[in-house]
Amino acid sequence: MAGLGLAGFGVFMLVTGKPSFSKPGSKPDPKPEKSGAKVAAAPAQPKAAVPVGIPVVVFAKIPDPVLPEVRAKKYEIPIRTALEKAGAGTVISAGTGLKDGGAEIAFVGVKMNLTDFKKGLPILKAELTRAGAPTATRLQYMQDEKPVDVEFEKAE
């Protein structure tokens, strides 16, 4: 897992449901029983809607055609500050999506690593509401190994 960092590990865990402790590029032993390694079945655990304790990467696709400087002040910095203050996550990156032809901004995006999804999602929604994000804003993440793409609901 060298080079992936915690966020990469969390995404890998979320997508596959299995941790990987091997080095990048290494291949698993196809028949561990022949190598003398003992294979133990993992204990059955109830499946949660969103795994507890596993970071969840959330992408907010905001149809607000603002320049990068405005995006940072309006969305990135307040979201990062609120998530980190609550110990619920942080902003990983942000960017701008252009319309066809590349001359106009179509949307801005903010990618977050929510280390506590249940705590972080309401904080994210509150910050998007405070910033005046349009209701057509989309929140995208993985849940039960499937992509989720939901329309943002303003916090009350």
C-alpha atoms as a PDB file:
ATOM      1  CA  MET A   1       0.000   0.000   0.000  1.00  0.00           C
ATOM      2  CA  ALA A   2       3.029   2.264  -0.124  1.00  0.00           C
ATOM      3  CA  GLY A   3       2.286   5.424  -2.048  1.00  0.00           C
ATOM      4  CA  LEU A   4      -1.503   5.226  -1.762  1.00  0.00           C
ATOM      5  CA  GLY A   5      -1.797   6.798   1.660  1.00  0.00           C
ATOM      6  CA  LEU A   6      -4.810   6.462   3.926  1.00  0.00           C
ATOM      7  CA  ALA A   7      -7.232   7.871   1.347  1.00  0.00           C
ATOM      8  CA  GLY A   8      -6.176   5.269  -1.212  1.00  0.00           C
ATOM      9  CA  PHE A   9      -6.526   2.511   1.371  1.00  0.00           C
ATOM     10  CA  GLY A  10     -10.012   3.719   2.297  1.00  0.00           C
ATOM     11  CA  VAL A  11     -11.114   3.891  -1.324  1.00  0.00           C
ATOM     12  CA  PHE A  12      -9.689   0.422  -1.987  1.00  0.00           C
ATOM     13  CA  MET A  13     -11.485  -0.938   1.068  1.00  0.00           C
ATOM     14  CA  LEU A  14     -14.724   0.777   0.063  1.00  0.00           C
ATOM     15  CA  VAL A  15     -14.635  -0.468  -3.513  1.00  0.00           C
ATOM     16  CA  THR A  16     -13.501  -4.033  -2.862  1.00  0.00           C
ATOM     17  CA  GLY A  17     -14.585  -4.553   0.729  1.00  0.00           C
ATOM     18  CA  LYS A  18     -11.207  -6.177   1.394  1.00  0.00           C
ATOM     19  CA  PRO A  19      -8.005  -4.671   2.761  1.00  0.00           C
ATOM     20  CA  SER A  20      -4.836  -5.055   0.764  1.00  0.00           C
ATOM     21  CA  PHE A  21      -1.541  -5.134   2.593  1.00  0.00           C
ATOM     22  CA  SER A  22       0.579  -6.248  -0.351  1.00  0.00           C
ATOM     23  CA  LYS A  23       3.012  -4.035  -2.180  1.00  0.00           C
ATOM     24  CA  PRO A  24       1.741  -2.390  -5.366  1.00  0.00           C
ATOM     25  CA  GLY A  25       2.415  -4.621  -8.366  1.00  0.00           C
ATOM     26  CA  SER A  26       2.773  -7.818  -6.319  1.00  0.00           C
ATOM     27  CA  LYS A  27       0.543 -10.779  -7.134  1.00  0.00           C
ATOM     28  CA  PRO A  28      -1.292 -12.791  -4.486  1.00  0.00           C
ATOM     29  CA  ASP A  29      -0.356 -16.445  -4.004  1.00  0.00           C
ATOM     30  CA  PRO A  30      -3.085 -18.295  -5.959  1.00  0.00           C
ATOM     31  CA  LYS A  31      -2.823 -21.370  -3.683  1.00  0.00           C
ATOM     32  CA  PRO A  32      -1.817 -20.203  -0.191  1.00  0.00           C
ATOM     33  CA  GLU A  33      -2.502 -23.666   1.261  1.00  0.00           C
ATOM     34  CA  LYS A  34       0.471 -25.083  -0.733  1.00  0.00           C
ATOM     35  CA  SER A  35       2.824 -22.453   0.633  1.00  0.00           C
ATOM     36  CA  GLY A  36       2.081 -23.543   4.199  1.00  0.00           C
ATOM     37  CA  ALA A  37       0.097 -20.382   4.993  1.00  0.00           C
ATOM     38  CA  LYS A  38      -3.084 -20.945   6.953  1.00  0.00           C
ATOM     39  CA  VAL A  39      -6.232 -19.492   5.428  1.00  0.00           C
ATOM     40  CA  ALA A  40      -8.867 -18.455   7.939  1.00  0.00           C
ATOM     41  CA  ALA A  41     -12.341 -17.350   6.996  1.00  0.00           C
ATOM     42  CA  ALA A  42     -13.198 -13.827   8.082  1.00  0.00           C
ATOM     43  CA  PRO A  43     -15.956 -13.675  10.693  1.00  0.00           C
ATOM     44  CA  ALA A  44     -19.335 -12.776   9.210  1.00  0.00           C
ATOM     45  CA  GLN A  45     -20.329  -9.213   9.967  1.00  0.00           C
ATOM     46  CA  PRO A  46     -23.605  -7.455   9.263  1.00  0.00           C
ATOM     47  CA  LYS A  47     -23.329  -5.181   6.233  1.00  0.00           C
ATOM     48  CA  ALA A  48     -23.770  -1.519   7.120  1.00  0.00           C
ATOM     49  CA  ALA A  49     -25.180   0.968   4.610  1.00  0.00           C
ATOM     50  CA  VAL A  50     -21.917   2.919   4.875  1.00  0.00           C
ATOM     51  CA  PRO A  51     -18.975   1.140   6.504  1.00  0.00           C
ATOM     52  CA  VAL A  52     -18.119   2.596   9.894  1.00  0.00           C
ATOM     53  CA  GLY A  53     -14.489   3.554  10.374  1.00  0.00           C
ATOM     54  CA  ILE A  54     -13.649   3.454   6.665  1.00  0.00           C
ATOM     55  CA  PRO A  55     -13.036   6.789   4.939  1.00  0.00           C
ATOM     56  CA  VAL A  56     -15.594   7.559   2.238  1.00  0.00           C
ATOM     57  CA  VAL A  57     -14.573   9.773  -0.676  1.00  0.00           C
ATOM     58  CA  VAL A  58     -17.416  12.131  -1.627  1.00  0.00           C
ATOM     59  CA  PHE A  59     -17.424  14.311  -4.736  1.00  0.00           C
ATOM     60  CA  ALA A  60     -19.692  17.370  -4.785  1.00  0.00           C
ATOM     61  CA  LYS A  61     -20.509  18.424  -8.363  1.00  0.00           C
ATOM     62  CA  ILE A  62     -21.745  22.004  -8.018  1.00  0.00           C
ATOM     63  CA  PRO A  63     -23.312  23.702 -11.079  1.00  0.00           C
ATOM     64  CA  ASP A  64     -21.953  27.111 -10.096  1.00  0.00           C
ATOM     65  CA  PRO A  65     -19.792  28.656 -12.849  1.00  0.00           C
ATOM     66  CA  VAL A  66     -17.325  30.485 -10.589  1.00  0.00           C
ATOM     67  CA  LEU A  67     -13.615  31.028 -11.098  1.00  0.00           C
ATOM     68  CA  PRO A  68     -11.127  28.949  -9.064  1.00  0.00           C
ATOM     69  CA  GLU A  69     -10.385  31.791  -6.633  1.00  0.00           C
ATOM     70  CA  VAL A  70     -14.088  32.191  -5.857  1.00  0.00           C
ATOM     71  CA  ARG A  71     -14.560  28.410  -5.651  1.00  0.00           C
ATOM     72  CA  ALA A  72     -11.843  28.204  -2.993  1.00  0.00           C
ATOM     73  CA  LYS A  73     -13.338  30.984  -0.837  1.00  0.00           C
ATOM     74  CA  LYS A  74     -16.952  29.920  -1.340  1.00  0.00           C
ATOM     75  CA  TYR A  75     -16.685  26.132  -1.080  1.00  0.00           C
ATOM     76  CA  GLU A  76     -13.267  24.537  -0.470  1.00  0.00           C
ATOM     77  CA  ILE A  77     -12.004  26.514   2.518  1.00  0.00           C
ATOM     78  CA  PRO A  78     -15.280  26.582   4.519  1.00  0.00           C
ATOM     79  CA  ILE A  79     -15.938  22.863   3.891  1.00  0.00           C
ATOM     80  CA  ARG A  80     -12.356  21.929   4.837  1.00  0.00           C
ATOM     81  CA  THR A  81     -12.488  24.074   7.972  1.00  0.00           C
ATOM     82  CA  ALA A  82     -15.827  22.656   9.158  1.00  0.00           C
ATOM     83  CA  LEU A  83     -14.924  19.007   8.459  1.00  0.00           C
ATOM     84  CA  GLU A  84     -11.507  19.253  10.114  1.00  0.00           C
ATOM     85  CA  LYS A  85     -12.871  21.131  13.130  1.00  0.00           C
ATOM     86  CA  ALA A  86     -15.398  18.322  13.686  1.00  0.00           C
ATOM     87  CA  GLY A  87     -12.804  15.614  13.043  1.00  0.00           C
ATOM     88  CA  ALA A  88     -15.034  14.239  10.270  1.00  0.00           C
ATOM     89  CA  GLY A  89     -12.728  14.561   7.255  1.00  0.00           C
ATOM     90  CA  THR A  90     -11.042  17.013   4.918  1.00  0.00           C
ATOM     91  CA  VAL A  91     -11.042  18.335   1.351  1.00  0.00           C
ATOM     92  CA  ILE A  92      -8.757  16.317  -0.924  1.00  0.00           C
ATOM     93  CA  SER A  93      -8.981  18.426  -4.083  1.00  0.00           C
ATOM     94  CA  ALA A  94     -11.160  20.708  -6.162  1.00  0.00           C
ATOM     95  CA  GLY A  95     -11.493  21.553  -9.809  1.00  0.00           C
ATOM     96  CA  THR A  96     -13.490  23.156 -12.582  1.00  0.00           C
ATOM     97  CA  GLY A  97     -15.514  21.413 -15.295  1.00  0.00           C
ATOM     98  CA  LEU A  98     -15.806  23.198 -18.610  1.00  0.00           C
ATOM     99  CA  LYS A  99     -18.667  23.191 -21.108  1.00  0.00           C
ATOM    100  CA  ASP A 100     -18.125  21.683 -24.539  1.00  0.00           C
ATOM    101  CA  GLY A 101     -15.553  23.767 -26.349  1.00  0.00           C
ATOM    102  CA  GLY A 102     -13.814  24.657 -23.089  1.00  0.00           C
ATOM    103  CA  ALA A 103     -14.630  28.377 -23.095  1.00  0.00           C
ATOM    104  CA  GLU A 104     -17.165  28.457 -20.243  1.00  0.00           C
ATOM    105  CA  ILE A 105     -17.300  26.928 -16.765  1.00  0.00           C
ATOM    106  CA  ALA A 106     -20.084  24.335 -16.388  1.00  0.00           C
ATOM    107  CA  PHE A 107     -19.514  23.321 -12.769  1.00  0.00           C
ATOM    108  CA  VAL A 108     -17.033  23.210  -9.920  1.00  0.00           C
ATOM    109  CA  GLY A 109     -16.181  20.081  -8.008  1.00  0.00           C
ATOM    110  CA  VAL A 110     -14.939  19.472  -4.497  1.00  0.00           C
ATOM    111  CA  LYS A 111     -13.610  16.044  -3.466  1.00  0.00           C
ATOM    112  CA  MET A 112     -13.660  15.200   0.244  1.00  0.00           C
ATOM    113  CA  ASN A 113     -12.408  12.314   2.345  1.00  0.00           C
ATOM    114  CA  LEU A 114     -15.024  11.816   5.071  1.00  0.00           C
ATOM    115  CA  THR A 115     -13.391   9.824   7.843  1.00  0.00           C
ATOM    116  CA  ASP A 116     -16.733   9.805   9.683  1.00  0.00           C
ATOM    117  CA  PHE A 117     -19.456   9.642   7.012  1.00  0.00           C
ATOM    118  CA  LYS A 118     -22.447   9.909   9.368  1.00  0.00           C
ATOM    119  CA  LYS A 119     -20.974  12.985  11.022  1.00  0.00           C
ATOM    120  CA  GLY A 120     -19.410  14.495   7.893  1.00  0.00           C
ATOM    121  CA  LEU A 121     -22.338  14.328   5.460  1.00  0.00           C
ATOM    122  CA  PRO A 122     -24.589  16.691   7.480  1.00  0.00           C
ATOM    123  CA  ILE A 123     -21.639  19.073   7.892  1.00  0.00           C
ATOM    124  CA  LEU A 124     -21.028  18.993   4.130  1.00  0.00           C
ATOM    125  CA  LYS A 125     -24.708  19.687   3.429  1.00  0.00           C
ATOM    126  CA  ALA A 126     -24.760  22.552   5.955  1.00  0.00           C
ATOM    127  CA  GLU A 127     -21.694  24.171   4.359  1.00  0.00           C
ATOM    128  CA  LEU A 128     -23.097  23.791   0.840  1.00  0.00           C
ATOM    129  CA  THR A 129     -26.372  25.340   2.046  1.00  0.00           C
ATOM    130  CA  ARG A 130     -24.519  28.207   3.761  1.00  0.00           C
ATOM    131  CA  ALA A 131     -22.543  28.863   0.554  1.00  0.00           C
ATOM    132  CA  GLY A 132     -25.745  28.977  -1.515  1.00  0.00           C
ATOM    133  CA  ALA A 133     -24.992  25.898  -3.636  1.00  0.00           C
ATOM    134  CA  PRO A 134     -27.706  25.284  -6.247  1.00  0.00           C
ATOM    135  CA  THR A 135     -30.186  22.479  -5.517  1.00  0.00           C
ATOM    136  CA  ALA A 136     -28.985  20.723  -8.709  1.00  0.00           C
ATOM    137  CA  THR A 137     -25.692  20.009  -6.883  1.00  0.00           C
ATOM    138  CA  ARG A 138     -24.851  16.271  -6.964  1.00  0.00           C
ATOM    139  CA  LEU A 139     -23.143  14.262  -4.208  1.00  0.00           C
ATOM    140  CA  GLN A 140     -21.340  11.176  -5.516  1.00  0.00           C
ATOM    141  CA  TYR A 141     -19.750   8.366  -3.470  1.00  0.00           C
ATOM    142  CA  MET A 142     -19.587   4.578  -3.123  1.00  0.00           C
ATOM    143  CA  GLN A 143     -22.027   2.675  -0.887  1.00  0.00           C
ATOM    144  CA  ASP A 144     -22.222  -1.125  -0.607  1.00  0.00           C
ATOM    145  CA  GLU A 145     -19.692  -1.321  -3.454  1.00  0.00           C
ATOM    146  CA  LYS A 146     -22.046   0.597  -5.782  1.00  0.00           C
ATOM    147  CA  PRO A 147     -21.786   4.200  -6.996  1.00  0.00           C
ATOM    148  CA  VAL A 148     -24.292   6.599  -5.451  1.00  0.00           C
ATOM    149  CA  ASP A 149     -25.242   9.848  -7.192  1.00  0.00           C
ATOM    150  CA  VAL A 150     -27.827  11.864  -5.267  1.00  0.00           C
ATOM    151  CA  GLU A 151     -29.160  15.362  -5.615  1.00  0.00           C
ATOM    152  CA  PHE A 152     -28.065  17.649  -2.804  1.00  0.00           C
ATOM    153  CA  GLU A 153     -30.763  18.406  -0.247  1.00  0.00           C
ATOM    154  CA  LYS A 154     -30.323  21.719   1.528  1.00  0.00           C
ATOM    155  CA  ALA A 155     -29.761  21.507   5.274  1.00  0.00           C
ATOM    156  CA  GLU A 156     -32.445  23.098   7.408  1.00  0.00           C
END
